[in-house]
């Protein structure tokens, strides 16, 4: 019996643990699956932009600094995106409105200039402003209650909500008040014409 145990102990202790061909096959398959998902998301983003092709070009800010008027308010922070007004999950991606970025906002008597380093700048004319509010979310970004400044504006036939978050959250209420006041002033003066 001892010689049987010695022979058993002298034999191969365990089978090969790693089957490299199967492991490499699984890794390659997983990488191909991830690449397919990424490609599908990219195509979906492009398709959404195509569907929103009826949206007109974004207005550009006045070229000369004096043409824009004196700044009433300024803010630095982040631009989180734009959606169809009242539908916080219906993201607008046409004309670069879906690109998140840093942003510098300047409110003047002529409107709101949105300067976005690394993304396309745009301008919201004063006549297009429809109001502002504090909210908790916009497509792809949810914050604490009142953590997001949402500016509602008219662009072509579409009402748009654009979401911004200031580096200093205390600035949000001043922007909401100023934009709401300007919105009422615009409608009062339009009715008098």
N, C-alpha and C. Protein backbone atom coordinates (compact mmCIF):
# COMPACT_ATOMS: atom_id res chain seq x y z
N UNK A 1 0.80 -1.17 0.00
CA UNK A 1 0.00 0.00 0.00
C UNK A 1 0.87 1.26 0.00
N UNK A 2 1.99 1.21 0.69
CA UNK A 2 2.89 2.34 0.70
C UNK A 2 3.48 2.59 -0.68
N UNK A 3 3.80 1.54 -1.41
CA UNK A 3 4.34 1.76 -2.74
C UNK A 3 3.29 2.34 -3.68
N UNK A 4 2.04 2.02 -3.47
CA UNK A 4 0.96 2.60 -4.29
C UNK A 4 0.82 4.08 -4.00
N UNK A 5 0.97 4.45 -2.75
CA UNK A 5 0.89 5.88 -2.38
C UNK A 5 2.10 6.64 -2.92
N UNK A 6 3.25 6.00 -2.90
CA UNK A 6 4.46 6.66 -3.43
C UNK A 6 4.31 6.87 -4.93
N UNK A 7 3.81 5.86 -5.64
CA UNK A 7 3.59 5.99 -7.09
C UNK A 7 2.56 7.08 -7.40
N UNK A 8 1.52 7.13 -6.58
CA UNK A 8 0.49 8.15 -6.77
C UNK A 8 1.05 9.54 -6.52
N UNK A 9 1.87 9.70 -5.51
CA UNK A 9 2.47 10.99 -5.18
C UNK A 9 3.50 11.41 -6.23
N UNK A 10 4.14 10.46 -6.87
CA UNK A 10 5.16 10.77 -7.87
C UNK A 10 4.54 11.20 -9.19
N UNK A 11 3.27 10.89 -9.40
CA UNK A 11 2.59 11.24 -10.65
C UNK A 11 2.28 12.74 -10.73
N UNK A 12 1.64 13.13 -11.81
CA UNK A 12 1.28 14.54 -12.03
C UNK A 12 0.31 14.98 -10.94
N UNK A 13 0.60 16.13 -10.33
CA UNK A 13 -0.18 16.59 -9.19
C UNK A 13 -1.52 17.19 -9.61
N UNK A 14 -1.57 17.95 -10.70
CA UNK A 14 -2.83 18.56 -11.13
C UNK A 14 -2.80 18.79 -12.64
N UNK A 15 -3.95 19.03 -13.17
CA UNK A 15 -4.06 19.29 -14.60
C UNK A 15 -3.65 20.72 -14.88
N UNK A 16 -3.38 21.04 -16.14
CA UNK A 16 -3.06 22.42 -16.52
C UNK A 16 -4.24 23.30 -16.16
N UNK A 17 -3.95 24.41 -15.47
CA UNK A 17 -5.00 25.29 -14.99
C UNK A 17 -5.45 26.26 -16.08
N UNK A 18 -4.55 26.76 -16.86
CA UNK A 18 -4.87 27.80 -17.83
C UNK A 18 -4.92 27.24 -19.24
N UNK A 19 -6.08 27.47 -19.87
CA UNK A 19 -6.24 27.15 -21.28
C UNK A 19 -6.14 28.48 -22.01
N UNK A 20 -4.95 28.84 -22.46
CA UNK A 20 -4.69 30.17 -23.03
C UNK A 20 -5.53 30.46 -24.27
N UNK A 21 -5.76 29.49 -25.09
CA UNK A 21 -6.54 29.72 -26.31
C UNK A 21 -7.97 30.14 -25.95
N UNK A 22 -8.58 29.45 -24.99
CA UNK A 22 -9.95 29.81 -24.58
C UNK A 22 -9.98 31.19 -23.92
N UNK A 23 -9.00 31.47 -23.10
CA UNK A 23 -8.96 32.76 -22.41
C UNK A 23 -8.79 33.91 -23.41
N UNK A 24 -7.90 33.77 -24.36
CA UNK A 24 -7.69 34.81 -25.38
C UNK A 24 -8.95 34.97 -26.23
N UNK A 25 -9.61 33.87 -26.54
CA UNK A 25 -10.86 33.93 -27.30
C UNK A 25 -11.93 34.73 -26.56
N UNK A 26 -12.08 34.50 -25.26
CA UNK A 26 -13.06 35.25 -24.46
C UNK A 26 -12.72 36.73 -24.40
N UNK A 27 -11.44 37.06 -24.22
CA UNK A 27 -11.03 38.47 -24.14
C UNK A 27 -11.29 39.18 -25.46
N UNK A 28 -10.92 38.55 -26.57
CA UNK A 28 -11.17 39.14 -27.89
C UNK A 28 -12.67 39.31 -28.12
N UNK A 29 -13.46 38.30 -27.77
CA UNK A 29 -14.91 38.40 -27.92
C UNK A 29 -15.50 39.53 -27.10
N UNK A 30 -15.03 39.70 -25.87
CA UNK A 30 -15.51 40.78 -25.02
C UNK A 30 -15.12 42.15 -25.59
N UNK A 31 -13.90 42.28 -26.09
CA UNK A 31 -13.48 43.55 -26.69
C UNK A 31 -14.29 43.87 -27.94
N UNK A 32 -14.60 42.87 -28.75
CA UNK A 32 -15.43 43.09 -29.93
C UNK A 32 -16.85 43.51 -29.53
N UNK A 33 -17.40 42.92 -28.48
CA UNK A 33 -18.73 43.28 -27.99
C UNK A 33 -18.74 44.73 -27.49
N UNK A 34 -17.72 45.13 -26.76
CA UNK A 34 -17.63 46.52 -26.26
C UNK A 34 -17.51 47.49 -27.44
N UNK A 35 -16.70 47.14 -28.43
CA UNK A 35 -16.55 47.99 -29.62
C UNK A 35 -17.87 48.12 -30.37
N UNK A 36 -18.64 47.04 -30.47
CA UNK A 36 -19.94 47.07 -31.12
C UNK A 36 -20.90 48.00 -30.36
N UNK A 37 -20.93 47.90 -29.05
CA UNK A 37 -21.79 48.78 -28.24
C UNK A 37 -21.42 50.25 -28.43
N UNK A 38 -20.12 50.53 -28.42
CA UNK A 38 -19.66 51.91 -28.62
C UNK A 38 -20.08 52.42 -30.00
N UNK A 39 -19.91 51.59 -31.02
CA UNK A 39 -20.29 51.98 -32.39
C UNK A 39 -21.79 52.24 -32.47
N UNK A 40 -22.62 51.39 -31.85
CA UNK A 40 -24.06 51.59 -31.87
C UNK A 40 -24.46 52.88 -31.16
N UNK A 41 -23.82 53.20 -30.03
CA UNK A 41 -24.13 54.45 -29.33
C UNK A 41 -23.75 55.66 -30.20
N UNK A 42 -22.62 55.57 -30.87
CA UNK A 42 -22.17 56.66 -31.74
C UNK A 42 -23.13 56.86 -32.90
N UNK A 43 -23.58 55.77 -33.50
CA UNK A 43 -24.54 55.85 -34.60
C UNK A 43 -25.88 56.42 -34.13
N UNK A 44 -26.29 56.05 -32.92
CA UNK A 44 -27.52 56.59 -32.35
C UNK A 44 -27.44 58.09 -32.13
N UNK A 45 -26.27 58.56 -31.67
CA UNK A 45 -26.04 59.98 -31.46
C UNK A 45 -26.11 60.72 -32.80
N UNK A 46 -25.47 60.15 -33.83
CA UNK A 46 -25.50 60.78 -35.16
C UNK A 46 -26.92 60.77 -35.73
N UNK A 47 -27.66 59.69 -35.51
CA UNK A 47 -29.03 59.60 -36.01
C UNK A 47 -29.91 60.65 -35.34
N UNK A 48 -29.74 60.85 -34.03
CA UNK A 48 -30.51 61.87 -33.31
C UNK A 48 -30.20 63.25 -33.91
N UNK A 49 -28.95 63.52 -34.22
CA UNK A 49 -28.58 64.79 -34.86
C UNK A 49 -29.23 64.95 -36.22
N UNK A 50 -29.33 63.86 -36.98
CA UNK A 50 -29.98 63.89 -38.28
C UNK A 50 -31.48 64.19 -38.14
N UNK A 51 -32.11 63.56 -37.16
CA UNK A 51 -33.54 63.78 -36.92
C UNK A 51 -33.83 65.23 -36.51
N UNK A 52 -32.85 65.88 -35.88
CA UNK A 52 -33.02 67.26 -35.43
C UNK A 52 -32.45 68.24 -36.45
N UNK A 53 -32.28 67.80 -37.68
CA UNK A 53 -31.71 68.63 -38.73
C UNK A 53 -32.55 69.84 -39.11
N UNK A 54 -33.84 69.85 -38.72
CA UNK A 54 -34.70 70.99 -39.03
C UNK A 54 -34.45 72.17 -38.11
N UNK A 55 -33.64 71.98 -37.08
CA UNK A 55 -33.31 73.07 -36.17
C UNK A 55 -32.38 74.06 -36.89
N UNK A 56 -32.74 75.36 -36.92
CA UNK A 56 -31.88 76.32 -37.63
C UNK A 56 -30.51 76.48 -36.97
N UNK A 57 -29.60 77.09 -37.70
CA UNK A 57 -28.27 77.37 -37.15
C UNK A 57 -28.41 78.22 -35.89
N UNK A 58 -27.48 78.03 -34.97
CA UNK A 58 -27.51 78.80 -33.72
C UNK A 58 -27.07 80.23 -33.99
N UNK A 59 -27.71 81.20 -33.32
CA UNK A 59 -27.28 82.59 -33.49
C UNK A 59 -25.87 82.78 -32.92
N UNK A 60 -25.10 83.60 -33.58
CA UNK A 60 -23.75 83.92 -33.10
C UNK A 60 -23.81 85.19 -32.26
N UNK A 61 -22.93 85.26 -31.30
CA UNK A 61 -22.85 86.45 -30.46
C UNK A 61 -22.38 87.63 -31.31
N UNK A 62 -22.77 88.85 -30.93
CA UNK A 62 -22.28 90.02 -31.67
C UNK A 62 -20.75 90.02 -31.73
N UNK A 63 -20.21 90.34 -32.90
CA UNK A 63 -18.76 90.25 -33.11
C UNK A 63 -17.99 91.27 -32.29
N UNK A 64 -18.48 92.47 -32.22
CA UNK A 64 -17.79 93.52 -31.49
C UNK A 64 -18.25 93.53 -30.03
N UNK A 65 -17.31 93.65 -29.08
CA UNK A 65 -17.70 93.65 -27.67
C UNK A 65 -18.68 94.78 -27.34
N UNK A 66 -18.58 95.92 -27.97
CA UNK A 66 -19.48 97.04 -27.69
C UNK A 66 -20.89 96.80 -28.19
N UNK A 67 -21.04 95.97 -29.25
CA UNK A 67 -22.36 95.67 -29.80
C UNK A 67 -23.20 94.83 -28.85
N UNK A 68 -22.55 94.04 -28.01
CA UNK A 68 -23.28 93.17 -27.09
C UNK A 68 -23.86 93.95 -25.92
N UNK A 69 -23.35 95.13 -25.66
CA UNK A 69 -23.83 95.92 -24.53
C UNK A 69 -23.03 95.61 -23.28
N UNK A 70 -23.34 96.36 -22.23
CA UNK A 70 -22.65 96.18 -20.96
C UNK A 70 -23.14 94.91 -20.28
N UNK A 71 -22.23 94.12 -19.71
CA UNK A 71 -22.66 92.91 -19.01
C UNK A 71 -23.49 93.24 -17.77
N UNK A 72 -24.64 92.58 -17.66
CA UNK A 72 -25.49 92.72 -16.48
C UNK A 72 -25.07 91.68 -15.45
N UNK A 73 -24.85 90.44 -15.91
CA UNK A 73 -24.39 89.34 -15.06
C UNK A 73 -23.39 88.49 -15.84
N UNK A 74 -22.46 87.90 -15.12
CA UNK A 74 -21.55 86.92 -15.73
C UNK A 74 -21.49 85.71 -14.82
N UNK A 75 -21.18 84.58 -15.43
CA UNK A 75 -21.11 83.34 -14.66
C UNK A 75 -20.16 82.38 -15.36
N UNK A 76 -19.36 81.68 -14.59
CA UNK A 76 -18.54 80.58 -15.13
C UNK A 76 -19.03 79.29 -14.49
N UNK A 77 -18.99 78.23 -15.25
CA UNK A 77 -19.45 76.94 -14.74
C UNK A 77 -19.43 75.89 -15.82
N UNK A 78 -20.46 75.06 -15.82
CA UNK A 78 -20.56 73.98 -16.80
C UNK A 78 -21.87 74.05 -17.55
N UNK A 79 -21.79 73.74 -18.84
CA UNK A 79 -22.98 73.59 -19.68
C UNK A 79 -23.27 72.09 -19.72
N UNK A 80 -24.48 71.68 -19.34
CA UNK A 80 -24.79 70.26 -19.26
C UNK A 80 -25.63 69.76 -20.42
N UNK A 81 -26.13 70.64 -21.26
CA UNK A 81 -26.88 70.19 -22.42
C UNK A 81 -28.19 70.92 -22.58
N UNK A 82 -28.85 70.63 -23.69
CA UNK A 82 -30.14 71.24 -24.00
C UNK A 82 -31.14 70.14 -24.33
N UNK A 83 -32.40 70.41 -23.99
CA UNK A 83 -33.47 69.48 -24.26
C UNK A 83 -34.66 70.25 -24.82
N UNK A 84 -35.64 69.51 -25.33
CA UNK A 84 -36.90 70.13 -25.71
C UNK A 84 -37.56 70.62 -24.43
N UNK A 85 -38.06 71.84 -24.44
CA UNK A 85 -38.62 72.45 -23.23
C UNK A 85 -39.71 71.57 -22.63
N UNK A 86 -39.60 71.35 -21.32
CA UNK A 86 -40.58 70.55 -20.61
C UNK A 86 -40.35 69.06 -20.68
N UNK A 87 -39.40 68.61 -21.49
CA UNK A 87 -39.10 67.19 -21.63
C UNK A 87 -37.63 66.97 -21.30
N UNK A 88 -37.33 66.86 -20.03
CA UNK A 88 -35.95 66.89 -19.56
C UNK A 88 -35.09 65.73 -20.04
N UNK A 89 -35.66 64.71 -20.67
CA UNK A 89 -34.85 63.60 -21.19
C UNK A 89 -34.69 63.62 -22.71
N UNK A 90 -35.36 64.54 -23.39
CA UNK A 90 -35.29 64.62 -24.85
C UNK A 90 -34.13 65.52 -25.26
N UNK A 91 -32.93 64.97 -25.23
CA UNK A 91 -31.70 65.73 -25.49
C UNK A 91 -31.65 66.22 -26.94
N UNK A 92 -31.17 67.45 -27.10
CA UNK A 92 -30.94 68.03 -28.42
C UNK A 92 -29.44 67.96 -28.69
N UNK A 93 -29.04 67.32 -29.80
CA UNK A 93 -27.63 67.17 -30.12
C UNK A 93 -27.22 67.97 -31.36
N UNK A 94 -28.20 68.45 -32.12
CA UNK A 94 -27.90 69.19 -33.35
C UNK A 94 -27.11 70.46 -33.04
N UNK A 95 -26.22 70.83 -33.93
CA UNK A 95 -25.41 72.05 -33.85
C UNK A 95 -24.55 72.12 -32.58
N UNK A 96 -24.18 70.98 -32.05
CA UNK A 96 -23.29 70.95 -30.89
C UNK A 96 -23.97 71.21 -29.56
N UNK A 97 -25.29 71.29 -29.52
CA UNK A 97 -25.98 71.55 -28.26
C UNK A 97 -25.93 70.36 -27.31
N UNK A 98 -25.55 69.19 -27.78
CA UNK A 98 -25.45 68.03 -26.92
C UNK A 98 -24.10 67.86 -26.26
N UNK A 99 -23.14 68.70 -26.61
CA UNK A 99 -21.78 68.57 -26.09
C UNK A 99 -21.65 69.28 -24.75
N UNK A 100 -21.33 68.52 -23.73
CA UNK A 100 -21.08 69.12 -22.41
C UNK A 100 -19.73 69.80 -22.42
N UNK A 101 -19.64 70.89 -21.67
CA UNK A 101 -18.37 71.62 -21.65
C UNK A 101 -18.36 72.64 -20.53
N UNK A 102 -17.20 73.23 -20.32
CA UNK A 102 -17.12 74.41 -19.46
C UNK A 102 -17.86 75.52 -20.20
N UNK A 103 -18.34 76.50 -19.45
CA UNK A 103 -19.08 77.59 -20.10
C UNK A 103 -18.89 78.89 -19.33
N UNK A 104 -18.90 79.97 -20.09
CA UNK A 104 -18.91 81.32 -19.52
C UNK A 104 -20.15 82.00 -20.08
N UNK A 105 -21.06 82.39 -19.20
CA UNK A 105 -22.29 83.06 -19.61
C UNK A 105 -22.18 84.54 -19.31
N UNK A 106 -22.67 85.34 -20.24
CA UNK A 106 -22.72 86.79 -20.05
C UNK A 106 -24.10 87.27 -20.47
N UNK A 107 -24.80 87.89 -19.53
CA UNK A 107 -26.12 88.44 -19.81
C UNK A 107 -25.96 89.93 -20.09
N UNK A 108 -26.46 90.37 -21.25
CA UNK A 108 -26.47 91.78 -21.60
C UNK A 108 -27.89 92.15 -21.99
N UNK A 109 -28.11 93.40 -22.36
CA UNK A 109 -29.44 93.82 -22.79
C UNK A 109 -29.85 93.14 -24.09
N UNK A 110 -28.88 92.61 -24.85
CA UNK A 110 -29.17 91.96 -26.13
C UNK A 110 -29.40 90.46 -26.01
N UNK A 111 -29.03 89.86 -24.87
CA UNK A 111 -29.25 88.43 -24.70
C UNK A 111 -28.17 87.78 -23.85
N UNK A 112 -28.07 86.46 -23.99
CA UNK A 112 -27.10 85.67 -23.21
C UNK A 112 -26.08 85.08 -24.17
N UNK A 113 -24.81 85.43 -23.96
CA UNK A 113 -23.72 84.85 -24.75
C UNK A 113 -23.17 83.65 -23.98
N UNK A 114 -23.08 82.52 -24.66
CA UNK A 114 -22.56 81.29 -24.05
C UNK A 114 -21.26 80.95 -24.76
N UNK A 115 -20.14 81.14 -24.07
CA UNK A 115 -18.81 80.84 -24.63
C UNK A 115 -18.37 79.51 -24.03
N UNK A 116 -18.07 78.55 -24.92
CA UNK A 116 -17.71 77.21 -24.48
C UNK A 116 -16.35 76.82 -25.06
N UNK A 117 -15.30 76.86 -24.25
CA UNK A 117 -13.98 76.43 -24.75
C UNK A 117 -14.03 74.95 -25.15
N UNK A 118 -13.57 74.67 -26.36
CA UNK A 118 -13.56 73.30 -26.85
C UNK A 118 -14.87 72.84 -27.46
N UNK A 119 -15.88 73.71 -27.47
CA UNK A 119 -17.17 73.38 -28.07
C UNK A 119 -17.69 74.64 -28.76
N UNK A 120 -18.79 74.49 -29.45
CA UNK A 120 -19.34 75.58 -30.25
C UNK A 120 -20.06 76.61 -29.36
N UNK A 121 -19.68 77.88 -29.48
CA UNK A 121 -20.34 78.97 -28.74
C UNK A 121 -21.69 79.25 -29.37
N UNK A 122 -22.61 79.81 -28.57
CA UNK A 122 -23.87 80.25 -29.13
C UNK A 122 -24.40 81.44 -28.36
N UNK A 123 -25.43 82.05 -28.90
CA UNK A 123 -26.00 83.27 -28.35
C UNK A 123 -27.52 83.11 -28.27
N UNK A 124 -28.09 83.50 -27.15
CA UNK A 124 -29.54 83.47 -26.99
C UNK A 124 -30.02 84.92 -27.02
N UNK A 125 -30.63 85.37 -28.12
CA UNK A 125 -31.09 86.76 -28.19
C UNK A 125 -32.13 87.05 -27.12
N UNK A 126 -32.17 88.30 -26.66
CA UNK A 126 -33.11 88.70 -25.61
C UNK A 126 -34.55 88.42 -26.03
N UNK A 127 -34.86 88.61 -27.31
CA UNK A 127 -36.23 88.38 -27.79
C UNK A 127 -36.60 86.90 -27.73
N UNK A 128 -35.61 86.02 -27.72
CA UNK A 128 -35.88 84.58 -27.69
C UNK A 128 -36.02 84.03 -26.27
N UNK A 129 -35.61 84.79 -25.26
CA UNK A 129 -35.69 84.32 -23.88
C UNK A 129 -37.14 84.14 -23.46
N UNK A 130 -37.42 82.99 -22.86
CA UNK A 130 -38.78 82.71 -22.39
C UNK A 130 -38.83 82.51 -20.89
N UNK A 131 -37.69 82.56 -20.21
CA UNK A 131 -37.68 82.44 -18.75
C UNK A 131 -36.52 81.61 -18.26
N UNK A 132 -36.47 81.46 -16.94
CA UNK A 132 -35.42 80.67 -16.31
C UNK A 132 -35.97 80.11 -15.01
N UNK A 133 -35.40 78.99 -14.60
CA UNK A 133 -35.82 78.37 -13.35
C UNK A 133 -34.66 77.56 -12.78
N UNK A 134 -34.78 77.24 -11.51
CA UNK A 134 -33.84 76.32 -10.88
C UNK A 134 -34.47 74.94 -10.93
N UNK A 135 -33.70 73.95 -11.30
CA UNK A 135 -34.23 72.60 -11.45
C UNK A 135 -33.21 71.62 -10.91
N UNK A 136 -33.56 70.34 -10.92
CA UNK A 136 -32.64 69.34 -10.40
C UNK A 136 -32.02 68.45 -11.47
N UNK A 137 -32.48 68.57 -12.71
CA UNK A 137 -31.89 67.70 -13.72
C UNK A 137 -32.21 68.07 -15.14
N UNK A 138 -31.36 67.58 -16.02
CA UNK A 138 -31.53 67.69 -17.46
C UNK A 138 -30.88 66.43 -18.03
N UNK A 139 -31.21 66.04 -19.23
CA UNK A 139 -30.78 64.76 -19.80
C UNK A 139 -29.33 64.42 -19.44
N UNK A 140 -29.16 63.32 -18.72
CA UNK A 140 -27.82 62.85 -18.39
C UNK A 140 -27.20 63.48 -17.16
N UNK A 141 -27.88 64.42 -16.49
CA UNK A 141 -27.30 65.06 -15.31
C UNK A 141 -28.40 65.33 -14.29
N UNK A 142 -28.27 64.74 -13.12
CA UNK A 142 -29.22 64.98 -12.03
C UNK A 142 -28.43 65.48 -10.83
N UNK A 143 -28.90 66.58 -10.26
CA UNK A 143 -28.24 67.21 -9.12
C UNK A 143 -29.24 67.36 -7.97
N UNK A 144 -28.79 67.97 -6.90
CA UNK A 144 -29.69 68.28 -5.79
C UNK A 144 -30.74 69.28 -6.27
N UNK A 145 -31.86 69.33 -5.60
CA UNK A 145 -32.94 70.26 -5.96
C UNK A 145 -32.40 71.68 -6.05
N UNK A 146 -32.66 72.35 -7.18
CA UNK A 146 -32.21 73.72 -7.39
C UNK A 146 -30.74 73.84 -7.77
N UNK A 147 -30.08 72.75 -8.09
CA UNK A 147 -28.65 72.78 -8.41
C UNK A 147 -28.34 73.11 -9.86
N UNK A 148 -29.37 73.32 -10.67
CA UNK A 148 -29.16 73.55 -12.09
C UNK A 148 -29.97 74.76 -12.54
N UNK A 149 -29.31 75.67 -13.25
CA UNK A 149 -29.99 76.82 -13.84
C UNK A 149 -30.45 76.41 -15.23
N UNK A 150 -31.76 76.46 -15.46
CA UNK A 150 -32.32 76.07 -16.76
C UNK A 150 -32.89 77.31 -17.42
N UNK A 151 -32.34 77.66 -18.58
CA UNK A 151 -32.80 78.81 -19.35
C UNK A 151 -33.68 78.29 -20.48
N UNK A 152 -34.92 78.79 -20.55
CA UNK A 152 -35.84 78.40 -21.61
C UNK A 152 -35.82 79.49 -22.68
N UNK A 153 -35.66 79.07 -23.94
CA UNK A 153 -35.58 80.02 -25.04
C UNK A 153 -36.18 79.43 -26.31
N UNK A 154 -36.58 80.31 -27.19
CA UNK A 154 -37.20 79.93 -28.47
C UNK A 154 -36.13 79.95 -29.55
N UNK A 155 -36.03 78.86 -30.30
CA UNK A 155 -35.10 78.81 -31.43
C UNK A 155 -35.85 78.23 -32.61
N UNK A 156 -36.15 79.09 -33.58
CA UNK A 156 -36.98 78.66 -34.70
C UNK A 156 -38.37 78.35 -34.16
N UNK A 157 -38.87 77.17 -34.47
CA UNK A 157 -40.19 76.75 -34.00
C UNK A 157 -40.12 75.96 -32.69
N UNK A 158 -38.93 75.80 -32.14
CA UNK A 158 -38.74 74.91 -31.00
C UNK A 158 -38.41 75.68 -29.72
N UNK A 159 -39.06 75.29 -28.62
CA UNK A 159 -38.71 75.81 -27.30
C UNK A 159 -37.64 74.90 -26.72
N UNK A 160 -36.57 75.50 -26.22
CA UNK A 160 -35.41 74.73 -25.75
C UNK A 160 -35.13 75.09 -24.29
N UNK A 161 -34.79 74.07 -23.50
CA UNK A 161 -34.27 74.26 -22.15
C UNK A 161 -32.78 73.96 -22.19
N UNK A 162 -31.95 74.91 -21.75
CA UNK A 162 -30.51 74.69 -21.67
C UNK A 162 -30.10 74.73 -20.22
N UNK A 163 -29.32 73.71 -19.79
CA UNK A 163 -28.94 73.58 -18.38
C UNK A 163 -27.51 73.99 -18.11
N UNK A 164 -27.35 74.82 -17.08
CA UNK A 164 -26.03 75.31 -16.66
C UNK A 164 -25.88 75.13 -15.16
N UNK A 165 -24.66 74.90 -14.72
CA UNK A 165 -24.36 74.86 -13.29
C UNK A 165 -23.18 75.78 -13.05
N UNK A 166 -23.40 76.75 -12.19
CA UNK A 166 -22.36 77.73 -11.88
C UNK A 166 -21.31 77.12 -10.95
N UNK A 167 -20.10 77.66 -11.02
CA UNK A 167 -19.07 77.26 -10.06
C UNK A 167 -19.45 77.72 -8.66
N UNK A 168 -20.26 78.78 -8.57
CA UNK A 168 -20.76 79.30 -7.29
C UNK A 168 -22.29 79.24 -7.35
N UNK A 169 -22.87 78.22 -6.73
CA UNK A 169 -24.31 77.96 -6.83
C UNK A 169 -25.16 79.13 -6.36
N UNK A 170 -24.63 80.02 -5.54
CA UNK A 170 -25.40 81.16 -5.05
C UNK A 170 -25.77 82.11 -6.19
N UNK A 171 -25.07 82.04 -7.32
CA UNK A 171 -25.36 82.92 -8.46
C UNK A 171 -26.64 82.53 -9.19
N UNK A 172 -27.09 81.30 -9.03
CA UNK A 172 -28.25 80.82 -9.78
C UNK A 172 -29.49 81.67 -9.56
N UNK A 173 -29.77 82.04 -8.31
CA UNK A 173 -31.00 82.80 -8.05
C UNK A 173 -30.96 84.18 -8.69
N UNK A 174 -29.79 84.83 -8.72
CA UNK A 174 -29.68 86.14 -9.38
C UNK A 174 -29.94 86.01 -10.88
N UNK A 175 -29.44 84.95 -11.49
CA UNK A 175 -29.68 84.71 -12.92
C UNK A 175 -31.15 84.43 -13.19
N UNK A 176 -31.77 83.62 -12.34
CA UNK A 176 -33.19 83.31 -12.52
C UNK A 176 -34.02 84.58 -12.44
N UNK A 177 -33.73 85.40 -11.45
CA UNK A 177 -34.48 86.65 -11.29
C UNK A 177 -34.27 87.58 -12.48
N UNK A 178 -33.02 87.76 -12.90
CA UNK A 178 -32.72 88.66 -14.01
C UNK A 178 -33.36 88.18 -15.32
N UNK A 179 -33.27 86.89 -15.60
CA UNK A 179 -33.83 86.36 -16.85
C UNK A 179 -35.35 86.37 -16.83
N UNK A 180 -35.96 86.10 -15.70
CA UNK A 180 -37.42 86.14 -15.60
C UNK A 180 -37.90 87.58 -15.77
N UNK A 181 -37.22 88.54 -15.17
CA UNK A 181 -37.57 89.95 -15.31
C UNK A 181 -37.45 90.38 -16.76
N UNK A 182 -36.35 90.01 -17.42
CA UNK A 182 -36.15 90.38 -18.83
C UNK A 182 -37.23 89.74 -19.70
N UNK A 183 -37.60 88.51 -19.39
CA UNK A 183 -38.64 87.82 -20.16
C UNK A 183 -39.95 88.61 -20.08
N UNK A 184 -40.33 89.05 -18.90
CA UNK A 184 -41.57 89.82 -18.76
C UNK A 184 -41.46 91.17 -19.44
N UNK A 185 -40.27 91.79 -19.35
CA UNK A 185 -40.06 93.08 -20.02
C UNK A 185 -40.18 92.92 -21.53
N UNK A 186 -39.60 91.85 -22.08
CA UNK A 186 -39.68 91.62 -23.54
C UNK A 186 -41.12 91.47 -23.99
N UNK A 187 -41.93 90.73 -23.24
CA UNK A 187 -43.32 90.53 -23.64
C UNK A 187 -44.15 91.79 -23.45
N UNK A 188 -43.83 92.59 -22.43
CA UNK A 188 -44.56 93.85 -22.23
C UNK A 188 -44.27 94.82 -23.37
N UNK A 189 -43.00 94.92 -23.78
CA UNK A 189 -42.65 95.86 -24.85
C UNK A 189 -43.12 95.36 -26.20
N UNK A 190 -43.16 94.02 -26.39
CA UNK A 190 -43.66 93.49 -27.68
C UNK A 190 -45.14 93.79 -27.84
N UNK A 191 -45.90 93.73 -26.75
CA UNK A 191 -47.33 93.99 -26.81
C UNK A 191 -47.62 95.47 -27.06
N UNK A 192 -46.70 96.36 -26.68
CA UNK A 192 -46.91 97.81 -26.84
C UNK A 192 -46.64 98.26 -28.26
N UNK A 193 -45.98 97.44 -29.05
CA UNK A 193 -45.62 97.86 -30.41
C UNK A 193 -46.77 97.85 -31.35
